[in-house]
């Protein structure tokens, strides 16, 4: 059911410093920061030959990333994102197997302008999983 690994998301307390680390120290190509108010994040994508790293920073007072950083002040891996061909079929199959979809269960539009869903970390080895329609 799952396809390619689309990205690994890392919550960072200082987006400018994290961007410089990936760009200047590791030599990676990085995007400009993009504010995503509906998701409460500002993102920078680090492009790698086989996947991407998504640097996440809080945007606004109700950002879920702010809560994550309060518990993990140095930052850390927030979620992994897998591609699926049909997000609704994937959702329905996962729910039939007992997996919990976060939110209202309906896809929202993610950072790549594609439908996304998040799956409860307790159902996936302690890892928050994002599904993105390819």
N, C-alpha and C. Protein backbone atom coordinates (compact mmCIF):
# COMPACT_ATOMS: atom_id res chain seq x y z
N UNK A 1 0.82 -1.19 0.00
CA UNK A 1 0.00 0.00 0.00
C UNK A 1 0.86 1.26 0.00
N UNK A 2 1.87 1.35 0.90
CA UNK A 2 2.67 2.57 0.91
C UNK A 2 3.69 2.51 -0.22
N UNK A 3 4.01 3.69 -0.70
CA UNK A 3 4.99 3.82 -1.77
C UNK A 3 6.29 4.40 -1.25
N UNK A 4 6.81 5.33 -2.01
CA UNK A 4 8.09 5.95 -1.68
C UNK A 4 8.02 6.70 -0.35
N UNK A 5 9.19 6.79 0.29
CA UNK A 5 9.34 7.69 1.42
C UNK A 5 9.40 9.09 0.83
N UNK A 6 8.43 9.93 1.17
CA UNK A 6 8.40 11.28 0.62
C UNK A 6 9.33 12.20 1.38
N UNK A 7 9.24 12.18 2.72
CA UNK A 7 10.14 13.01 3.51
C UNK A 7 10.16 12.57 4.97
N UNK A 8 11.18 13.03 5.66
CA UNK A 8 11.29 12.92 7.11
C UNK A 8 11.21 14.35 7.63
N UNK A 9 10.31 14.60 8.57
CA UNK A 9 10.11 15.94 9.10
C UNK A 9 10.82 16.08 10.44
N UNK A 10 11.58 17.16 10.56
CA UNK A 10 12.33 17.44 11.78
C UNK A 10 11.87 18.79 12.33
N UNK A 11 11.38 18.80 13.56
CA UNK A 11 11.01 20.05 14.22
C UNK A 11 12.29 20.73 14.70
N UNK A 12 12.40 22.02 14.44
CA UNK A 12 13.61 22.76 14.79
C UNK A 12 13.25 24.03 15.56
N UNK A 13 14.02 24.36 16.61
CA UNK A 13 13.74 25.57 17.36
C UNK A 13 14.21 26.84 16.66
N UNK A 14 15.18 26.71 15.75
CA UNK A 14 15.73 27.86 15.02
C UNK A 14 15.81 27.48 13.54
N UNK A 15 14.84 27.94 12.77
CA UNK A 15 14.77 27.55 11.35
C UNK A 15 15.95 28.09 10.55
N UNK A 16 16.38 29.30 10.84
CA UNK A 16 17.50 29.89 10.12
C UNK A 16 18.78 29.08 10.35
N UNK A 17 19.03 28.72 11.60
CA UNK A 17 20.23 27.93 11.93
C UNK A 17 20.16 26.54 11.32
N UNK A 18 18.99 25.91 11.37
CA UNK A 18 18.84 24.56 10.80
C UNK A 18 19.03 24.59 9.29
N UNK A 19 18.47 25.61 8.65
CA UNK A 19 18.62 25.75 7.19
C UNK A 19 20.09 25.92 6.83
N UNK A 20 20.79 26.76 7.58
CA UNK A 20 22.22 26.98 7.33
C UNK A 20 23.01 25.70 7.55
N UNK A 21 22.66 24.93 8.56
CA UNK A 21 23.35 23.67 8.83
C UNK A 21 23.26 22.73 7.62
N UNK A 22 22.04 22.55 7.12
CA UNK A 22 21.86 21.65 5.97
C UNK A 22 22.50 22.22 4.70
N UNK A 23 22.37 23.52 4.49
CA UNK A 23 22.90 24.15 3.28
C UNK A 23 24.42 24.29 3.34
N UNK A 24 24.94 24.89 4.39
CA UNK A 24 26.34 25.26 4.45
C UNK A 24 27.25 24.14 4.97
N UNK A 25 26.81 23.43 5.98
CA UNK A 25 27.63 22.37 6.57
C UNK A 25 27.53 21.07 5.79
N UNK A 26 26.29 20.71 5.44
CA UNK A 26 26.08 19.43 4.74
C UNK A 26 26.04 19.58 3.22
N UNK A 27 25.96 20.80 2.71
CA UNK A 27 26.00 21.03 1.26
C UNK A 27 24.73 20.65 0.53
N UNK A 28 23.60 20.67 1.21
CA UNK A 28 22.34 20.27 0.58
C UNK A 28 21.64 21.48 -0.04
N UNK A 29 20.79 21.20 -1.02
CA UNK A 29 19.93 22.23 -1.61
C UNK A 29 18.74 22.43 -0.69
N UNK A 30 18.44 23.68 -0.34
CA UNK A 30 17.32 23.97 0.55
C UNK A 30 16.39 24.98 -0.11
N UNK A 31 15.12 24.87 0.21
CA UNK A 31 14.13 25.81 -0.32
C UNK A 31 14.09 27.07 0.54
N UNK A 32 13.36 28.04 0.07
CA UNK A 32 13.06 29.20 0.89
C UNK A 32 12.00 28.78 1.92
N UNK A 33 11.94 29.45 3.06
CA UNK A 33 10.89 29.13 4.03
C UNK A 33 9.51 29.43 3.45
N UNK A 34 8.56 28.56 3.78
CA UNK A 34 7.18 28.72 3.34
C UNK A 34 6.29 28.64 4.57
N UNK A 35 5.50 29.68 4.80
CA UNK A 35 4.54 29.69 5.90
C UNK A 35 3.29 28.92 5.47
N UNK A 36 2.84 28.03 6.34
CA UNK A 36 1.61 27.27 6.11
C UNK A 36 0.68 27.50 7.29
N UNK A 37 0.02 28.67 7.33
CA UNK A 37 -0.83 29.01 8.48
C UNK A 37 -1.88 27.96 8.84
N UNK A 38 -2.54 27.29 7.86
CA UNK A 38 -3.54 26.30 8.27
C UNK A 38 -2.95 25.13 9.07
N UNK A 39 -1.65 24.87 8.88
CA UNK A 39 -0.99 23.77 9.59
C UNK A 39 -0.17 24.26 10.78
N UNK A 40 -0.06 25.58 10.93
CA UNK A 40 0.67 26.13 12.05
C UNK A 40 2.18 25.93 11.97
N UNK A 41 2.71 25.88 10.74
CA UNK A 41 4.15 25.66 10.58
C UNK A 41 4.73 26.54 9.49
N UNK A 42 6.01 26.77 9.62
CA UNK A 42 6.83 27.28 8.53
C UNK A 42 7.75 26.14 8.16
N UNK A 43 7.90 25.87 6.87
CA UNK A 43 8.70 24.73 6.42
C UNK A 43 9.81 25.17 5.48
N UNK A 44 10.90 24.41 5.55
CA UNK A 44 11.98 24.49 4.57
C UNK A 44 12.22 23.06 4.13
N UNK A 45 12.28 22.84 2.82
CA UNK A 45 12.56 21.51 2.31
C UNK A 45 14.01 21.39 1.91
N UNK A 46 14.64 20.32 2.38
CA UNK A 46 16.00 19.97 2.02
C UNK A 46 15.89 18.86 0.99
N UNK A 47 16.38 19.11 -0.21
CA UNK A 47 16.25 18.12 -1.28
C UNK A 47 17.48 17.21 -1.31
N UNK A 48 17.22 15.91 -1.23
CA UNK A 48 18.26 14.90 -1.30
C UNK A 48 18.02 14.06 -2.56
N UNK A 49 19.00 13.30 -3.00
CA UNK A 49 18.80 12.53 -4.23
C UNK A 49 17.65 11.52 -4.16
N UNK A 50 17.36 10.99 -2.97
CA UNK A 50 16.36 9.93 -2.86
C UNK A 50 15.13 10.29 -2.04
N UNK A 51 15.11 11.46 -1.41
CA UNK A 51 13.97 11.89 -0.61
C UNK A 51 14.15 13.35 -0.22
N UNK A 52 13.38 13.82 0.75
CA UNK A 52 13.51 15.18 1.26
C UNK A 52 13.51 15.14 2.79
N UNK A 53 14.08 16.19 3.36
CA UNK A 53 13.94 16.46 4.78
C UNK A 53 13.08 17.71 4.87
N UNK A 54 12.09 17.69 5.75
CA UNK A 54 11.23 18.84 5.96
C UNK A 54 11.57 19.43 7.32
N UNK A 55 12.12 20.63 7.32
CA UNK A 55 12.40 21.33 8.57
C UNK A 55 11.13 22.08 8.97
N UNK A 56 10.64 21.82 10.18
CA UNK A 56 9.39 22.40 10.67
C UNK A 56 9.67 23.38 11.80
N UNK A 57 9.04 24.53 11.73
CA UNK A 57 9.17 25.52 12.78
C UNK A 57 7.77 26.05 13.08
N UNK A 58 7.47 26.38 14.34
CA UNK A 58 6.13 26.87 14.68
C UNK A 58 5.76 28.14 13.92
N UNK A 59 4.52 28.20 13.52
CA UNK A 59 3.94 29.40 12.92
C UNK A 59 2.64 29.68 13.67
N UNK A 60 2.60 30.75 14.40
CA UNK A 60 1.40 31.10 15.15
C UNK A 60 1.36 30.46 16.52
N UNK A 61 0.44 30.96 17.33
CA UNK A 61 0.33 30.53 18.72
C UNK A 61 -0.21 29.12 18.90
N UNK A 62 -0.97 28.63 17.95
CA UNK A 62 -1.59 27.31 18.12
C UNK A 62 -0.85 26.22 17.35
N UNK A 63 0.40 26.45 17.03
CA UNK A 63 1.18 25.48 16.26
C UNK A 63 1.40 24.19 17.04
N UNK A 64 1.12 23.04 16.42
CA UNK A 64 1.42 21.77 17.08
C UNK A 64 2.93 21.57 17.27
N UNK A 65 3.72 22.25 16.48
CA UNK A 65 5.17 22.12 16.59
C UNK A 65 5.68 22.82 17.85
N UNK A 66 5.00 23.87 18.29
CA UNK A 66 5.39 24.55 19.53
C UNK A 66 5.30 23.59 20.71
N UNK A 67 4.24 22.80 20.75
CA UNK A 67 4.09 21.81 21.81
C UNK A 67 5.17 20.75 21.75
N UNK A 68 5.50 20.30 20.53
CA UNK A 68 6.55 19.31 20.36
C UNK A 68 7.88 19.86 20.86
N UNK A 69 8.19 21.13 20.50
CA UNK A 69 9.45 21.74 20.91
C UNK A 69 9.48 22.03 22.42
N UNK A 70 8.33 22.26 23.03
CA UNK A 70 8.30 22.44 24.48
C UNK A 70 8.76 21.17 25.19
N UNK A 71 8.41 20.02 24.61
CA UNK A 71 8.82 18.73 25.18
C UNK A 71 10.22 18.32 24.71
N UNK A 72 10.64 18.84 23.57
CA UNK A 72 11.94 18.49 22.96
C UNK A 72 12.62 19.79 22.53
N UNK A 73 13.19 20.55 23.47
CA UNK A 73 13.69 21.89 23.15
C UNK A 73 14.78 21.93 22.08
N UNK A 74 15.51 20.86 21.90
CA UNK A 74 16.54 20.83 20.85
C UNK A 74 15.97 20.45 19.50
N UNK A 75 14.69 20.07 19.46
CA UNK A 75 14.07 19.61 18.22
C UNK A 75 14.19 18.11 18.09
N UNK A 76 13.84 17.60 16.93
CA UNK A 76 13.95 16.17 16.68
C UNK A 76 12.99 15.72 15.59
N UNK A 77 13.06 14.44 15.29
CA UNK A 77 12.19 13.90 14.24
C UNK A 77 10.75 13.99 14.70
N UNK A 78 9.92 14.61 13.88
CA UNK A 78 8.51 14.80 14.20
C UNK A 78 7.63 13.75 13.54
N UNK A 79 7.85 13.48 12.24
CA UNK A 79 7.06 12.47 11.54
C UNK A 79 7.78 12.01 10.28
N UNK A 80 7.28 10.91 9.73
CA UNK A 80 7.74 10.44 8.43
C UNK A 80 6.54 10.43 7.50
N UNK A 81 6.80 10.67 6.22
CA UNK A 81 5.72 10.77 5.24
C UNK A 81 5.94 9.75 4.13
N UNK A 82 4.92 8.93 3.91
CA UNK A 82 4.93 7.95 2.83
C UNK A 82 3.92 8.36 1.76
N UNK A 83 4.23 8.07 0.54
CA UNK A 83 3.30 8.32 -0.56
C UNK A 83 2.35 7.13 -0.71
N UNK A 84 1.12 7.43 -1.08
CA UNK A 84 0.12 6.41 -1.42
C UNK A 84 -0.55 6.83 -2.72
N UNK A 85 -1.00 5.85 -3.49
CA UNK A 85 -1.65 6.16 -4.77
C UNK A 85 -3.04 6.75 -4.58
N UNK A 86 -3.76 6.24 -3.60
CA UNK A 86 -5.15 6.68 -3.37
C UNK A 86 -5.32 6.87 -1.87
N UNK A 87 -5.33 8.11 -1.43
CA UNK A 87 -5.34 8.38 0.01
C UNK A 87 -6.64 7.93 0.68
N UNK A 88 -7.76 8.03 -0.01
CA UNK A 88 -9.03 7.60 0.58
C UNK A 88 -9.08 6.08 0.73
N UNK A 89 -8.60 5.37 -0.27
CA UNK A 89 -8.56 3.90 -0.18
C UNK A 89 -7.58 3.47 0.92
N UNK A 90 -6.45 4.16 1.02
CA UNK A 90 -5.47 3.84 2.08
C UNK A 90 -6.09 4.10 3.45
N UNK A 91 -6.76 5.25 3.61
CA UNK A 91 -7.42 5.57 4.88
C UNK A 91 -8.43 4.50 5.27
N UNK A 92 -9.28 4.13 4.31
CA UNK A 92 -10.32 3.16 4.61
C UNK A 92 -9.73 1.80 4.98
N UNK A 93 -8.70 1.39 4.28
CA UNK A 93 -8.06 0.10 4.57
C UNK A 93 -7.42 0.13 5.96
N UNK A 94 -6.73 1.22 6.27
CA UNK A 94 -6.08 1.33 7.58
C UNK A 94 -7.10 1.35 8.71
N UNK A 95 -8.19 2.08 8.53
CA UNK A 95 -9.22 2.13 9.55
C UNK A 95 -9.85 0.76 9.77
N UNK A 96 -10.05 0.01 8.69
CA UNK A 96 -10.59 -1.35 8.81
C UNK A 96 -9.67 -2.24 9.63
N UNK A 97 -8.37 -1.94 9.58
CA UNK A 97 -7.39 -2.74 10.32
C UNK A 97 -7.13 -2.18 11.71
N UNK A 98 -7.88 -1.15 12.10
CA UNK A 98 -7.79 -0.64 13.47
C UNK A 98 -6.89 0.57 13.65
N UNK A 99 -6.29 1.08 12.60
CA UNK A 99 -5.43 2.26 12.73
C UNK A 99 -6.29 3.50 12.93
N UNK A 100 -5.78 4.43 13.71
CA UNK A 100 -6.49 5.68 13.98
C UNK A 100 -5.96 6.80 13.10
N UNK A 101 -6.87 7.46 12.42
CA UNK A 101 -6.54 8.63 11.61
C UNK A 101 -6.78 9.85 12.48
N UNK A 102 -5.82 10.74 12.54
CA UNK A 102 -5.95 11.93 13.37
C UNK A 102 -6.88 12.96 12.73
N UNK A 103 -7.39 13.86 13.54
CA UNK A 103 -8.30 14.88 13.05
C UNK A 103 -9.66 14.30 12.76
N UNK A 104 -10.32 14.88 11.76
CA UNK A 104 -11.67 14.42 11.42
C UNK A 104 -11.68 13.25 10.43
N UNK A 105 -10.49 12.76 10.05
CA UNK A 105 -10.40 11.62 9.14
C UNK A 105 -10.43 11.98 7.68
N UNK A 106 -10.65 13.26 7.39
CA UNK A 106 -10.66 13.70 6.00
C UNK A 106 -9.30 14.30 5.64
N UNK A 107 -8.82 14.04 4.43
CA UNK A 107 -7.54 14.62 4.02
C UNK A 107 -7.59 16.14 4.00
N UNK A 108 -6.45 16.73 4.30
CA UNK A 108 -6.28 18.18 4.13
C UNK A 108 -5.18 18.37 3.09
N UNK A 109 -4.99 19.58 2.65
CA UNK A 109 -3.95 19.85 1.65
C UNK A 109 -2.66 20.17 2.39
N UNK A 110 -1.61 19.42 2.05
CA UNK A 110 -0.32 19.55 2.73
C UNK A 110 0.62 20.53 2.04
N UNK A 111 1.86 20.50 2.48
CA UNK A 111 2.88 21.44 2.00
C UNK A 111 3.18 21.30 0.51
N UNK A 112 2.90 20.15 -0.07
CA UNK A 112 3.15 19.94 -1.51
C UNK A 112 1.88 20.15 -2.33
N UNK A 113 0.86 20.74 -1.73
CA UNK A 113 -0.44 20.96 -2.38
C UNK A 113 -1.11 19.67 -2.80
N UNK A 114 -0.89 18.62 -2.01
CA UNK A 114 -1.53 17.33 -2.24
C UNK A 114 -2.26 16.90 -0.98
N UNK A 115 -3.27 16.03 -1.10
CA UNK A 115 -4.00 15.57 0.08
C UNK A 115 -3.10 14.76 1.02
N UNK A 116 -3.24 15.02 2.32
CA UNK A 116 -2.47 14.32 3.35
C UNK A 116 -3.38 13.92 4.50
N UNK A 117 -2.96 12.88 5.21
CA UNK A 117 -3.57 12.42 6.45
C UNK A 117 -2.46 12.06 7.43
N UNK A 118 -2.76 12.15 8.71
CA UNK A 118 -1.80 11.71 9.73
C UNK A 118 -2.38 10.55 10.50
N UNK A 119 -1.53 9.60 10.85
CA UNK A 119 -1.92 8.40 11.58
C UNK A 119 -1.33 8.43 12.98
N UNK A 120 -2.09 7.93 13.94
CA UNK A 120 -1.72 8.01 15.34
C UNK A 120 -0.40 7.28 15.60
N UNK A 121 0.54 7.94 16.30
CA UNK A 121 1.84 7.30 16.55
C UNK A 121 1.74 6.03 17.38
N UNK A 122 0.75 5.90 18.24
CA UNK A 122 0.64 4.69 19.06
C UNK A 122 0.32 3.47 18.20
N UNK A 123 -0.18 3.69 16.99
CA UNK A 123 -0.49 2.58 16.10
C UNK A 123 0.68 2.21 15.18
N UNK A 124 1.77 3.02 15.21
CA UNK A 124 2.88 2.82 14.29
C UNK A 124 4.23 2.95 15.00
N UNK A 125 4.39 2.10 16.02
CA UNK A 125 5.69 1.98 16.70
C UNK A 125 6.17 3.30 17.30
N UNK A 126 5.24 4.14 17.74
CA UNK A 126 5.60 5.40 18.35
C UNK A 126 5.96 6.50 17.37
N UNK A 127 5.65 6.30 16.09
CA UNK A 127 6.02 7.27 15.06
C UNK A 127 4.77 7.87 14.43
N UNK A 128 4.72 9.21 14.42
CA UNK A 128 3.66 9.89 13.70
C UNK A 128 3.89 9.67 12.21
N UNK A 129 2.88 9.17 11.51
CA UNK A 129 3.00 8.86 10.09
C UNK A 129 2.07 9.79 9.30
N UNK A 130 2.63 10.39 8.28
CA UNK A 130 1.84 11.18 7.34
C UNK A 130 1.73 10.39 6.04
N UNK A 131 0.54 10.34 5.48
CA UNK A 131 0.34 9.76 4.15
C UNK A 131 0.05 10.91 3.20
N UNK A 132 0.69 10.89 2.04
CA UNK A 132 0.47 11.92 1.02
C UNK A 132 0.11 11.24 -0.28
N UNK A 133 -0.95 11.71 -0.91
CA UNK A 133 -1.33 11.13 -2.19
C UNK A 133 -0.29 11.51 -3.24
N UNK A 134 0.22 10.51 -3.93
CA UNK A 134 1.27 10.74 -4.94
C UNK A 134 0.67 11.34 -6.20
